[in-house]
Amino acid sequence: MALKESARLYGECCRSMAQTWGLGFSHIPSWEATNAFIERYDLRSMEAHRDFLTDVWARAKTRLLRQIDHRAHPSSLSAAPRELRAEGFHHRQYAVMSKVLHAQPGSGVLAEPWRALESSARRSLGRAVDAFNFLEDTELAEPAHVHAHKVAALAGGIFGCGIKYRQGTYWDTCPVSLMHSRLGMSVGFTSTRVCSLCGEDLDLCEHLLDVLYEVQVHRSSEGICNACGRLGCSHSDGEMALSYPRPVMGDAQIDEVSLVPRPRDPLARITEVEIDPQLLARSLGAEPSGRSIRCFRCLRPCGGFRSSHDKWGIDSADAAPGGGRT
C-alpha cells in the first residue's frame, strides 16, 4: 500500500510538471539516468559527482520555474483581443497593461503550483521510505529501495534539501539518508488491556470480541473514534454505529527502549541524528557556524547501508553553503 501510494504521488508530480507546466519528461532527470552517466564517464571523485549532479538538476529546476512563470503569467500582449488592436492600441500601451497585470510577480500565482509540486514529491518520499521499512525482508525490498532513491533525487534535485540547524547543532533529518541506517526502536513495557466499548478490563467485562455491538460514537482526547479506533474517520459524534470490541492499552509503563535492526513496528525508526561538526567542517572547508547548508546526498549513487558501528556524518562534497549552487 505504501509503495503504491508513493508511486502514485511521484507519478502525479512528474505528470503535472510535464503536462500542466510544460517541462517535458525528457527534461526531468532521473536517479537511474544520472547514475548511468556517472558510471559511463567514470566520474570518481565526490566533487565530480556534485558538480555534474547539481548542474543537471539546476537546469531542470530553472526550466520548470520559467515554464510555471510563463504559464501562470501569460503575456498581456499575446492575449490582447483583436478588437483592442484595431482600436489603435500601440506597443507602449500594451506594455503599461503588462506592468499592471504583473505588478506582483512573486505572488501566490507562482508560489502555489510550486508548493503543490513539492508537497507531492515530499509526501511520495515519506511513503517510499515507509514502504522499504515494511518490505525490507521481502522480494520487493530492492525495488522499494531503488524507488526511494528515485523519489529522493526528484525532491532534492528540483526543490532542494537543507541540513537542519537547531540549538547550535546540525541534524540529519533526510528520510533517504536515515533509511540506510537499519536501526529502529524496540520498547519494553507493561500495560493493562481495556475494552474499547466500556473501558473496563478486557478479561472481565461482558463484551465478546467476535460479537457486534451498537455503540454511540464519541472520540477520545486524541481524536480517536471509539467505534473504529481511527483518526479522521467518517463517523460523526453522537451517531449510533456497529462495532466489535477491541483491546486498548491503558496505564502503560515503559521499562526500556532498545536499538534493534528489526523493530516489531517497522516504522519505529530514527527520525534525526546529530551530525559530527568536524565532518561538516571538512566538507565545507570551514566551520559552519550556524550557516544555512544545502545537502546533495540524495542525488548521488547509493553508498550502501550503514551498520550500528558506522560513524554517522556527512561525506566530503555532499554539502555546500545554502547560498551556493542549487
C-alpha atoms as a PDB file:
ATOM      1  CA  MET A   1       0.000   0.000   0.000  1.00  0.00           C
ATOM      2  CA  ALA A   2       2.750   2.500   0.950  1.00  0.00           C
ATOM      3  CA  LEU A   3       4.739   1.676  -2.200  1.00  0.00           C
ATOM      4  CA  LYS A   4       1.679   2.080  -4.396  1.00  0.00           C
ATOM      5  CA  GLU A   5       0.777   5.406  -2.767  1.00  0.00           C
ATOM      6  CA  SER A   6       4.327   6.693  -3.178  1.00  0.00           C
ATOM      7  CA  ALA A   7       4.392   5.687  -6.849  1.00  0.00           C
ATOM      8  CA  ARG A   8       1.049   7.436  -7.392  1.00  0.00           C
ATOM      9  CA  LEU A   9       2.268  10.683  -5.814  1.00  0.00           C
ATOM     10  CA  TYR A  10       5.545  10.524  -7.741  1.00  0.00           C
ATOM     11  CA  GLY A  11       3.669   9.962 -10.990  1.00  0.00           C
ATOM     12  CA  GLU A  12       1.270  12.823 -10.267  1.00  0.00           C
ATOM     13  CA  CYS A  13       4.182  15.179  -9.588  1.00  0.00           C
ATOM     14  CA  CYS A  14       6.020  14.245 -12.809  1.00  0.00           C
ATOM     15  CA  ARG A  15       2.844  14.385 -14.910  1.00  0.00           C
ATOM     16  CA  SER A  16       1.978  17.799 -13.501  1.00  0.00           C
ATOM     17  CA  MET A  17       5.463  19.075 -14.325  1.00  0.00           C
ATOM     18  CA  ALA A  18       5.198  17.744 -17.864  1.00  0.00           C
ATOM     19  CA  GLN A  19       1.555  18.158 -18.836  1.00  0.00           C
ATOM     20  CA  THR A  20       0.413  21.122 -16.735  1.00  0.00           C
ATOM     21  CA  TRP A  21       3.594  23.184 -16.580  1.00  0.00           C
ATOM     22  CA  GLY A  22       5.317  22.176 -19.804  1.00  0.00           C
ATOM     23  CA  LEU A  23       8.550  20.624 -18.510  1.00  0.00           C
ATOM     24  CA  GLY A  24       8.825  17.701 -20.939  1.00  0.00           C
ATOM     25  CA  PHE A  25       9.505  14.273 -19.488  1.00  0.00           C
ATOM     26  CA  SER A  26      12.820  14.252 -21.356  1.00  0.00           C
ATOM     27  CA  HIS A  27      13.893  17.294 -19.304  1.00  0.00           C
ATOM     28  CA  ILE A  28      13.159  15.663 -15.913  1.00  0.00           C
ATOM     29  CA  PRO A  29      16.367  13.943 -14.749  1.00  0.00           C
ATOM     30  CA  SER A  30      16.180  10.575 -13.032  1.00  0.00           C
ATOM     31  CA  TRP A  31      18.348   8.925 -10.403  1.00  0.00           C
ATOM     32  CA  GLU A  32      18.959   5.912 -12.650  1.00  0.00           C
ATOM     33  CA  ALA A  33      19.966   8.048 -15.660  1.00  0.00           C
ATOM     34  CA  THR A  34      22.416  10.208 -13.689  1.00  0.00           C
ATOM     35  CA  ASN A  35      23.928   7.072 -12.100  1.00  0.00           C
ATOM     36  CA  ALA A  36      24.429   5.587 -15.564  1.00  0.00           C
ATOM     37  CA  PHE A  37      26.171   8.779 -16.749  1.00  0.00           C
ATOM     38  CA  ILE A  38      28.477   8.802 -13.709  1.00  0.00           C
ATOM     39  CA  GLU A  39      29.455   5.193 -14.348  1.00  0.00           C
ATOM     40  CA  ARG A  40      29.810   5.599 -18.109  1.00  0.00           C
ATOM     41  CA  TYR A  41      32.100   8.626 -17.864  1.00  0.00           C
ATOM     42  CA  ASP A  42      33.931   7.323 -14.796  1.00  0.00           C
ATOM     43  CA  LEU A  43      33.250  10.306 -12.534  1.00  0.00           C
ATOM     44  CA  ARG A  44      35.039   9.002  -9.475  1.00  0.00           C
ATOM     45  CA  SER A  45      35.527  11.920  -7.129  1.00  0.00           C
ATOM     46  CA  MET A  46      32.806  13.257  -4.872  1.00  0.00           C
ATOM     47  CA  GLU A  47      33.410  16.746  -6.267  1.00  0.00           C
ATOM     48  CA  ALA A  48      32.863  15.490  -9.820  1.00  0.00           C
ATOM     49  CA  HIS A  49      29.612  13.822  -8.701  1.00  0.00           C
ATOM     50  CA  ARG A  50      28.408  17.012  -7.058  1.00  0.00           C
ATOM     51  CA  ASP A  51      29.314  19.315  -9.932  1.00  0.00           C
ATOM     52  CA  PHE A  52      27.643  17.093 -12.519  1.00  0.00           C
ATOM     53  CA  LEU A  53      24.508  16.370 -10.483  1.00  0.00           C
ATOM     54  CA  THR A  54      23.874  19.920  -9.283  1.00  0.00           C
ATOM     55  CA  ASP A  55      24.293  21.196 -12.842  1.00  0.00           C
ATOM     56  CA  VAL A  56      21.838  18.649 -14.288  1.00  0.00           C
ATOM     57  CA  TRP A  57      19.172  19.272 -11.662  1.00  0.00           C
ATOM     58  CA  ALA A  58      19.672  23.057 -11.580  1.00  0.00           C
ATOM     59  CA  ARG A  59      18.960  23.248 -15.304  1.00  0.00           C
ATOM     60  CA  ALA A  60      15.750  21.249 -14.834  1.00  0.00           C
ATOM     61  CA  LYS A  61      14.690  23.443 -11.900  1.00  0.00           C
ATOM     62  CA  THR A  62      15.365  26.647 -13.836  1.00  0.00           C
ATOM     63  CA  ARG A  63      13.432  25.373 -16.841  1.00  0.00           C
ATOM     64  CA  LEU A  64      10.463  24.378 -14.645  1.00  0.00           C
ATOM     65  CA  LEU A  65      10.384  27.742 -12.865  1.00  0.00           C
ATOM     66  CA  ARG A  66      10.471  29.516 -16.206  1.00  0.00           C
ATOM     67  CA  GLN A  67       7.606  27.389 -17.532  1.00  0.00           C
ATOM     68  CA  ILE A  68       5.472  27.933 -14.432  1.00  0.00           C
ATOM     69  CA  ASP A  69       6.084  31.668 -14.551  1.00  0.00           C
ATOM     70  CA  HIS A  70       5.257  31.755 -18.275  1.00  0.00           C
ATOM     71  CA  ARG A  71       2.005  29.830 -17.901  1.00  0.00           C
ATOM     72  CA  ALA A  72       0.938  31.487 -14.658  1.00  0.00           C
ATOM     73  CA  HIS A  73       1.578  34.949 -16.109  1.00  0.00           C
ATOM     74  CA  PRO A  74       0.511  34.884 -19.773  1.00  0.00           C
ATOM     75  CA  SER A  75       1.704  37.899 -21.712  1.00  0.00           C
ATOM     76  CA  SER A  76      -0.942  40.590 -21.998  1.00  0.00           C
ATOM     77  CA  LEU A  77       0.489  41.417 -25.433  1.00  0.00           C
ATOM     78  CA  SER A  78      -0.210  37.990 -26.854  1.00  0.00           C
ATOM     79  CA  ALA A  79      -3.530  37.719 -25.018  1.00  0.00           C
ATOM     80  CA  ALA A  80      -4.937  41.074 -26.143  1.00  0.00           C
ATOM     81  CA  PRO A  81      -8.007  40.631 -28.348  1.00  0.00           C
ATOM     82  CA  ARG A  82      -8.029  41.842 -31.934  1.00  0.00           C
ATOM     83  CA  GLU A  83     -10.660  44.447 -31.135  1.00  0.00           C
ATOM     84  CA  LEU A  84      -8.220  46.299 -28.880  1.00  0.00           C
ATOM     85  CA  ARG A  85      -5.502  46.225 -31.504  1.00  0.00           C
ATOM     86  CA  ALA A  86      -7.946  47.507 -34.117  1.00  0.00           C
ATOM     87  CA  GLU A  87      -8.777  50.472 -31.895  1.00  0.00           C
ATOM     88  CA  GLY A  88      -5.228  51.757 -32.126  1.00  0.00           C
ATOM     89  CA  PHE A  89      -3.541  50.207 -29.077  1.00  0.00           C
ATOM     90  CA  HIS A  90       0.193  50.601 -29.523  1.00  0.00           C
ATOM     91  CA  HIS A  91       3.097  48.632 -28.088  1.00  0.00           C
ATOM     92  CA  ARG A  92       3.680  51.200 -25.323  1.00  0.00           C
ATOM     93  CA  GLN A  93       0.055  50.880 -24.143  1.00  0.00           C
ATOM     94  CA  TYR A  94       0.290  47.082 -24.116  1.00  0.00           C
ATOM     95  CA  ALA A  95       3.498  47.356 -22.089  1.00  0.00           C
ATOM     96  CA  VAL A  96       1.731  49.523 -19.492  1.00  0.00           C
ATOM     97  CA  MET A  97      -1.065  46.935 -19.259  1.00  0.00           C
ATOM     98  CA  SER A  98       1.519  44.206 -18.813  1.00  0.00           C
ATOM     99  CA  LYS A  99       3.191  46.037 -15.921  1.00  0.00           C
ATOM    100  CA  VAL A 100      -0.148  46.424 -14.171  1.00  0.00           C
ATOM    101  CA  LEU A 101      -1.021  42.757 -14.629  1.00  0.00           C
ATOM    102  CA  HIS A 102       2.417  41.662 -13.430  1.00  0.00           C
ATOM    103  CA  ALA A 103       2.690  44.117 -10.567  1.00  0.00           C
ATOM    104  CA  GLN A 104       3.402  41.278  -8.096  1.00  0.00           C
ATOM    105  CA  PRO A 105       5.450  38.660  -9.955  1.00  0.00           C
ATOM    106  CA  GLY A 106       6.414  36.937  -6.731  1.00  0.00           C
ATOM    107  CA  SER A 107       2.813  36.487  -5.596  1.00  0.00           C
ATOM    108  CA  GLY A 108       0.931  33.264  -4.921  1.00  0.00           C
ATOM    109  CA  VAL A 109       0.241  32.724  -8.624  1.00  0.00           C
ATOM    110  CA  LEU A 110       3.761  31.313  -8.957  1.00  0.00           C
ATOM    111  CA  ALA A 111       4.206  30.055  -5.389  1.00  0.00           C
ATOM    112  CA  GLU A 112       1.085  27.879  -5.221  1.00  0.00           C
ATOM    113  CA  PRO A 113       1.912  25.435  -8.060  1.00  0.00           C
ATOM    114  CA  TRP A 114       5.484  25.169  -6.783  1.00  0.00           C
ATOM    115  CA  ARG A 115       4.293  24.312  -3.270  1.00  0.00           C
ATOM    116  CA  ALA A 116       1.818  21.756  -4.643  1.00  0.00           C
ATOM    117  CA  LEU A 117       4.535  20.031  -6.676  1.00  0.00           C
ATOM    118  CA  GLU A 118       6.941  19.994  -3.752  1.00  0.00           C
ATOM    119  CA  SER A 119       4.266  18.640  -1.409  1.00  0.00           C
ATOM    120  CA  SER A 120       3.570  15.706  -3.749  1.00  0.00           C
ATOM    121  CA  ALA A 121       7.286  14.936  -4.080  1.00  0.00           C
ATOM    122  CA  ARG A 122       7.998  15.016  -0.351  1.00  0.00           C
ATOM    123  CA  ARG A 123       4.894  13.009   0.579  1.00  0.00           C
ATOM    124  CA  SER A 124       5.930  10.459  -2.037  1.00  0.00           C
ATOM    125  CA  LEU A 125       9.377  10.264  -0.442  1.00  0.00           C
ATOM    126  CA  GLY A 126       7.937   9.715   3.024  1.00  0.00           C
ATOM    127  CA  ARG A 127       5.734   6.874   1.822  1.00  0.00           C
ATOM    128  CA  ALA A 128       8.613   5.386  -0.215  1.00  0.00           C
ATOM    129  CA  VAL A 129      10.733   5.116   2.933  1.00  0.00           C
ATOM    130  CA  ASP A 130       7.749   3.624   4.817  1.00  0.00           C
ATOM    131  CA  ALA A 131       7.376   1.077   2.024  1.00  0.00           C
ATOM    132  CA  PHE A 132      11.011  -0.018   2.266  1.00  0.00           C
ATOM    133  CA  ASN A 133      10.722  -0.389   6.037  1.00  0.00           C
ATOM    134  CA  PHE A 134       7.663  -2.613   5.594  1.00  0.00           C
ATOM    135  CA  LEU A 135       9.168  -4.648   2.720  1.00  0.00           C
ATOM    136  CA  GLU A 136      12.742  -4.996   3.992  1.00  0.00           C
ATOM    137  CA  ASP A 137      12.752  -8.790   4.232  1.00  0.00           C
ATOM    138  CA  THR A 138      10.714  -9.481   1.102  1.00  0.00           C
ATOM    139  CA  GLU A 139      11.461  -9.804  -2.609  1.00  0.00           C
ATOM    140  CA  LEU A 140      10.142  -6.258  -3.075  1.00  0.00           C
ATOM    141  CA  ALA A 141      12.848  -4.756  -0.836  1.00  0.00           C
ATOM    142  CA  GLU A 142      15.226  -3.826  -3.666  1.00  0.00           C
ATOM    143  CA  PRO A 143      12.543  -2.307  -5.938  1.00  0.00           C
ATOM    144  CA  ALA A 144      11.348  -0.277  -2.920  1.00  0.00           C
ATOM    145  CA  HIS A 145      14.938   0.768  -2.171  1.00  0.00           C
ATOM    146  CA  VAL A 146      15.515   1.971  -5.751  1.00  0.00           C
ATOM    147  CA  HIS A 147      12.165   3.757  -5.796  1.00  0.00           C
ATOM    148  CA  ALA A 148      13.044   5.659  -2.595  1.00  0.00           C
ATOM    149  CA  HIS A 149      16.282   6.863  -4.202  1.00  0.00           C
ATOM    150  CA  LYS A 150      14.409   7.879  -7.346  1.00  0.00           C
ATOM    151  CA  VAL A 151      11.883   9.984  -5.429  1.00  0.00           C
ATOM    152  CA  ALA A 152      14.576  11.473  -3.163  1.00  0.00           C
ATOM    153  CA  ALA A 153      16.558  12.639  -6.199  1.00  0.00           C
ATOM    154  CA  LEU A 154      13.487  14.386  -7.612  1.00  0.00           C
ATOM    155  CA  ALA A 155      12.648  16.069  -4.293  1.00  0.00           C
ATOM    156  CA  GLY A 156      16.221  17.124  -3.587  1.00  0.00           C
ATOM    157  CA  GLY A 157      17.176  17.976  -7.153  1.00  0.00           C
ATOM    158  CA  ILE A 158      14.186  20.166  -8.004  1.00  0.00           C
ATOM    159  CA  PHE A 159      13.130  21.542  -4.614  1.00  0.00           C
ATOM    160  CA  GLY A 160      16.373  21.322  -2.669  1.00  0.00           C
ATOM    161  CA  CYS A 161      17.287  19.937   0.738  1.00  0.00           C
ATOM    162  CA  GLY A 162      18.921  21.654   3.672  1.00  0.00           C
ATOM    163  CA  ILE A 163      20.633  20.339   6.779  1.00  0.00           C
ATOM    164  CA  LYS A 164      18.578  21.203   9.843  1.00  0.00           C
ATOM    165  CA  TYR A 165      20.155  23.501  12.421  1.00  0.00           C
ATOM    166  CA  ARG A 166      18.720  23.675  15.926  1.00  0.00           C
ATOM    167  CA  GLN A 167      20.131  24.878  19.254  1.00  0.00           C
ATOM    168  CA  GLY A 168      23.703  25.059  17.998  1.00  0.00           C
ATOM    169  CA  THR A 169      23.667  21.607  16.380  1.00  0.00           C
ATOM    170  CA  TYR A 170      23.241  20.337  12.824  1.00  0.00           C
ATOM    171  CA  TRP A 171      20.919  17.362  12.384  1.00  0.00           C
ATOM    172  CA  ASP A 172      20.497  14.757   9.665  1.00  0.00           C
ATOM    173  CA  THR A 173      16.737  14.579   9.019  1.00  0.00           C
ATOM    174  CA  CYS A 174      16.897  13.299   5.425  1.00  0.00           C
ATOM    175  CA  PRO A 175      14.440  10.378   5.062  1.00  0.00           C
ATOM    176  CA  VAL A 176      16.517   8.511   2.473  1.00  0.00           C
ATOM    177  CA  SER A 177      19.740   9.008   4.453  1.00  0.00           C
ATOM    178  CA  LEU A 178      18.157   7.747   7.668  1.00  0.00           C
ATOM    179  CA  MET A 179      16.614   4.830   5.756  1.00  0.00           C
ATOM    180  CA  HIS A 180      20.118   3.499   5.116  1.00  0.00           C
ATOM    181  CA  SER A 181      20.776   3.036   8.813  1.00  0.00           C
ATOM    182  CA  ARG A 182      18.889  -0.135   9.625  1.00  0.00           C
ATOM    183  CA  LEU A 183      18.224   0.696  13.234  1.00  0.00           C
ATOM    184  CA  GLY A 184      14.897   1.072  14.929  1.00  0.00           C
ATOM    185  CA  MET A 185      13.495   1.262  18.417  1.00  0.00           C
ATOM    186  CA  SER A 186      12.003  -1.590  20.377  1.00  0.00           C
ATOM    187  CA  VAL A 187      10.126  -0.697  23.544  1.00  0.00           C
ATOM    188  CA  GLY A 188       9.791  -2.956  26.540  1.00  0.00           C
ATOM    189  CA  PHE A 189       6.705  -2.022  28.576  1.00  0.00           C
ATOM    190  CA  THR A 190       3.778  -3.300  30.593  1.00  0.00           C
ATOM    191  CA  SER A 191       0.190  -2.096  30.348  1.00  0.00           C
ATOM    192  CA  THR A 192      -3.382  -3.009  31.069  1.00  0.00           C
ATOM    193  CA  ARG A 193      -5.823  -4.050  28.334  1.00  0.00           C
ATOM    194  CA  VAL A 194      -9.233  -2.432  28.483  1.00  0.00           C
ATOM    195  CA  CYS A 195     -12.323  -2.838  26.309  1.00  0.00           C
ATOM    196  CA  SER A 196     -12.813  -0.185  23.629  1.00  0.00           C
ATOM    197  CA  LEU A 197     -16.576  -0.128  24.269  1.00  0.00           C
ATOM    198  CA  CYS A 198     -16.829   0.152  28.039  1.00  0.00           C
ATOM    199  CA  GLY A 199     -13.301   0.940  29.255  1.00  0.00           C
ATOM    200  CA  GLU A 200     -13.307  -1.969  31.710  1.00  0.00           C
ATOM    201  CA  ASP A 201     -10.689  -4.729  31.980  1.00  0.00           C
ATOM    202  CA  LEU A 202     -10.978  -6.715  28.744  1.00  0.00           C
ATOM    203  CA  ASP A 203     -10.881 -10.058  30.558  1.00  0.00           C
ATOM    204  CA  LEU A 204     -13.638  -9.123  32.987  1.00  0.00           C
ATOM    205  CA  CYS A 205     -16.174  -7.057  31.011  1.00  0.00           C
ATOM    206  CA  GLU A 206     -19.306  -8.524  29.378  1.00  0.00           C
ATOM    207  CA  HIS A 207     -18.369  -7.810  25.745  1.00  0.00           C
ATOM    208  CA  LEU A 208     -17.219 -10.647  23.474  1.00  0.00           C
ATOM    209  CA  LEU A 209     -14.562  -9.897  20.843  1.00  0.00           C
ATOM    210  CA  ASP A 210     -16.365 -11.636  17.957  1.00  0.00           C
ATOM    211  CA  VAL A 211     -19.787 -10.016  18.543  1.00  0.00           C
ATOM    212  CA  LEU A 212     -21.031  -6.750  17.006  1.00  0.00           C
ATOM    213  CA  TYR A 213     -22.478  -4.210  19.431  1.00  0.00           C
ATOM    214  CA  GLU A 214     -24.317  -0.943  18.778  1.00  0.00           C
ATOM    215  CA  VAL A 215     -22.451   1.966  20.341  1.00  0.00           C
ATOM    216  CA  GLN A 216     -22.803   5.735  20.421  1.00  0.00           C
ATOM    217  CA  VAL A 217     -19.858   7.328  18.664  1.00  0.00           C
ATOM    218  CA  HIS A 218     -17.529   9.595  20.609  1.00  0.00           C
ATOM    219  CA  ARG A 219     -13.859  10.462  20.381  1.00  0.00           C
ATOM    220  CA  SER A 220     -11.029  10.358  22.883  1.00  0.00           C
ATOM    221  CA  SER A 221      -8.935  13.396  23.789  1.00  0.00           C
ATOM    222  CA  GLU A 222      -6.549  12.332  20.990  1.00  0.00           C
ATOM    223  CA  GLY A 223      -9.430  12.320  18.481  1.00  0.00           C
ATOM    224  CA  ILE A 224      -9.666   8.525  18.159  1.00  0.00           C
ATOM    225  CA  CYS A 225     -13.122   7.164  17.325  1.00  0.00           C
ATOM    226  CA  ASN A 226     -14.427   4.600  19.807  1.00  0.00           C
ATOM    227  CA  ALA A 227     -16.325   2.716  17.075  1.00  0.00           C
ATOM    228  CA  CYS A 228     -13.453   2.066  14.640  1.00  0.00           C
ATOM    229  CA  GLY A 229     -10.327   3.140  16.524  1.00  0.00           C
ATOM    230  CA  ARG A 230      -9.220   5.569  13.791  1.00  0.00           C
ATOM    231  CA  LEU A 231      -8.370   9.229  13.442  1.00  0.00           C
ATOM    232  CA  GLY A 232     -10.287  11.223  10.865  1.00  0.00           C
ATOM    233  CA  CYS A 233     -12.930   8.574  10.119  1.00  0.00           C
ATOM    234  CA  SER A 234     -16.377   9.192   8.628  1.00  0.00           C
ATOM    235  CA  HIS A 235     -18.266   8.581  11.888  1.00  0.00           C
ATOM    236  CA  SER A 236     -19.995  11.560  13.497  1.00  0.00           C
ATOM    237  CA  ASP A 237     -20.089  12.147  17.237  1.00  0.00           C
ATOM    238  CA  GLY A 238     -23.394  11.063  18.745  1.00  0.00           C
ATOM    239  CA  GLU A 239     -24.481   8.725  15.934  1.00  0.00           C
ATOM    240  CA  MET A 240     -25.060   5.003  16.555  1.00  0.00           C
ATOM    241  CA  ALA A 241     -22.693   2.543  14.880  1.00  0.00           C
ATOM    242  CA  LEU A 242     -21.973  -1.189  14.970  1.00  0.00           C
ATOM    243  CA  SER A 243     -18.568  -2.107  16.374  1.00  0.00           C
ATOM    244  CA  TYR A 244     -16.576  -5.108  17.529  1.00  0.00           C
ATOM    245  CA  PRO A 245     -14.856  -4.726  20.911  1.00  0.00           C
ATOM    246  CA  ARG A 246     -11.076  -4.451  20.666  1.00  0.00           C
ATOM    247  CA  PRO A 247      -8.283  -4.260  23.198  1.00  0.00           C
ATOM    248  CA  VAL A 248      -6.993  -0.794  24.050  1.00  0.00           C
ATOM    249  CA  MET A 249      -3.782  -0.296  26.007  1.00  0.00           C
ATOM    250  CA  GLY A 250      -4.022   1.733  29.169  1.00  0.00           C
ATOM    251  CA  ASP A 251      -1.700   2.732  32.027  1.00  0.00           C
ATOM    252  CA  ALA A 252       1.410   1.865  30.005  1.00  0.00           C
ATOM    253  CA  GLN A 253       4.681   1.732  31.941  1.00  0.00           C
ATOM    254  CA  ILE A 254       7.829   1.883  29.775  1.00  0.00           C
ATOM    255  CA  ASP A 255      10.656  -0.264  31.158  1.00  0.00           C
ATOM    256  CA  GLU A 256      13.327   0.148  28.462  1.00  0.00           C
ATOM    257  CA  VAL A 257      13.990   1.196  24.850  1.00  0.00           C
ATOM    258  CA  SER A 258      16.482  -0.737  22.721  1.00  0.00           C
ATOM    259  CA  LEU A 259      18.066  -0.047  19.327  1.00  0.00           C
ATOM    260  CA  VAL A 260      17.452  -3.088  17.134  1.00  0.00           C
ATOM    261  CA  PRO A 261      17.850  -3.841  13.397  1.00  0.00           C
ATOM    262  CA  ARG A 262      14.279  -5.148  13.029  1.00  0.00           C
ATOM    263  CA  PRO A 263      11.812  -3.339  15.304  1.00  0.00           C
ATOM    264  CA  ARG A 264       8.435  -5.000  15.746  1.00  0.00           C
ATOM    265  CA  ASP A 265       6.826  -1.850  14.368  1.00  0.00           C
ATOM    266  CA  PRO A 266       8.621  -1.348  11.007  1.00  0.00           C
ATOM    267  CA  LEU A 267       8.042   2.406  11.246  1.00  0.00           C
ATOM    268  CA  ALA A 268       9.656   2.780  14.695  1.00  0.00           C
ATOM    269  CA  ARG A 269      12.767   4.303  13.135  1.00  0.00           C
ATOM    270  CA  ILE A 270      15.191   7.100  13.968  1.00  0.00           C
ATOM    271  CA  THR A 271      13.948  10.440  12.621  1.00  0.00           C
ATOM    272  CA  GLU A 272      17.016  12.634  13.191  1.00  0.00           C
ATOM    273  CA  VAL A 273      20.682  12.199  14.134  1.00  0.00           C
ATOM    274  CA  GLU A 274      23.263  14.751  15.210  1.00  0.00           C
ATOM    275  CA  ILE A 275      25.955  15.355  12.587  1.00  0.00           C
ATOM    276  CA  ASP A 276      29.587  15.436  13.669  1.00  0.00           C
ATOM    277  CA  PRO A 277      30.627  19.120  13.292  1.00  0.00           C
ATOM    278  CA  GLN A 278      34.154  18.085  12.287  1.00  0.00           C
ATOM    279  CA  LEU A 279      32.784  16.171   9.301  1.00  0.00           C
ATOM    280  CA  LEU A 280      30.728  19.194   8.284  1.00  0.00           C
ATOM    281  CA  ALA A 281      33.742  21.485   8.614  1.00  0.00           C
ATOM    282  CA  ARG A 282      35.816  19.137   6.461  1.00  0.00           C
ATOM    283  CA  SER A 283      33.111  19.078   3.796  1.00  0.00           C
ATOM    284  CA  LEU A 284      32.642  22.858   3.780  1.00  0.00           C
ATOM    285  CA  GLY A 285      36.292  23.806   4.271  1.00  0.00           C
ATOM    286  CA  ALA A 286      35.381  25.880   7.330  1.00  0.00           C
ATOM    287  CA  GLU A 287      33.292  25.780  10.475  1.00  0.00           C
ATOM    288  CA  PRO A 288      29.588  26.097   9.509  1.00  0.00           C
ATOM    289  CA  SER A 289      28.831  28.370  12.495  1.00  0.00           C
ATOM    290  CA  GLY A 290      25.055  28.174  12.104  1.00  0.00           C
ATOM    291  CA  ARG A 291      25.001  28.927   8.370  1.00  0.00           C
ATOM    292  CA  SER A 292      22.315  27.530   6.104  1.00  0.00           C
ATOM    293  CA  ILE A 293      23.727  24.410   4.405  1.00  0.00           C
ATOM    294  CA  ARG A 294      22.494  22.649   1.271  1.00  0.00           C
ATOM    295  CA  CYS A 295      22.847  18.876   1.034  1.00  0.00           C
ATOM    296  CA  PHE A 296      23.308  16.848  -2.165  1.00  0.00           C
ATOM    297  CA  ARG A 297      23.484  13.253  -0.890  1.00  0.00           C
ATOM    298  CA  CYS A 298      20.105  12.229  -2.276  1.00  0.00           C
ATOM    299  CA  LEU A 299      21.306  12.999  -5.824  1.00  0.00           C
ATOM    300  CA  ARG A 300      24.280  10.657  -5.685  1.00  0.00           C
ATOM    301  CA  PRO A 301      24.508   6.902  -6.303  1.00  0.00           C
ATOM    302  CA  CYS A 302      23.680   4.763  -3.276  1.00  0.00           C
ATOM    303  CA  GLY A 303      26.581   4.412  -0.854  1.00  0.00           C
ATOM    304  CA  GLY A 304      25.168   1.300   0.807  1.00  0.00           C
ATOM    305  CA  PHE A 305      23.557   0.629   4.157  1.00  0.00           C
ATOM    306  CA  ARG A 306      25.138   1.592   7.477  1.00  0.00           C
ATOM    307  CA  SER A 307      25.595  -0.757  10.390  1.00  0.00           C
ATOM    308  CA  SER A 308      25.255   0.198  14.031  1.00  0.00           C
ATOM    309  CA  HIS A 309      29.065   0.543  14.228  1.00  0.00           C
ATOM    310  CA  ASP A 310      29.424   3.095  11.419  1.00  0.00           C
ATOM    311  CA  LYS A 311      30.149   6.710  12.316  1.00  0.00           C
ATOM    312  CA  TRP A 312      27.229   8.935  11.424  1.00  0.00           C
ATOM    313  CA  GLY A 313      28.026  12.055   9.455  1.00  0.00           C
ATOM    314  CA  ILE A 314      28.245  13.544   6.012  1.00  0.00           C
ATOM    315  CA  ASP A 315      30.767  12.820   3.282  1.00  0.00           C
ATOM    316  CA  SER A 316      33.062  15.442   1.836  1.00  0.00           C
ATOM    317  CA  ALA A 317      31.483  17.354  -1.078  1.00  0.00           C
ATOM    318  CA  ASP A 318      27.967  16.331  -0.002  1.00  0.00           C
ATOM    319  CA  ALA A 319      27.250  19.763   1.448  1.00  0.00           C
ATOM    320  CA  ALA A 320      27.671  23.387   0.500  1.00  0.00           C
ATOM    321  CA  PRO A 321      26.652  26.753   1.974  1.00  0.00           C
ATOM    322  CA  GLY A 322      22.967  27.491   1.384  1.00  0.00           C
ATOM    323  CA  GLY A 323      23.734  30.490  -0.773  1.00  0.00           C
ATOM    324  CA  GLY A 324      25.684  28.380  -3.261  1.00  0.00           C
ATOM    325  CA  ARG A 325      24.662  26.485  -6.347  1.00  0.00           C
ATOM    326  CA  THR A 326      21.236  24.823  -6.292  1.00  0.00           C
END
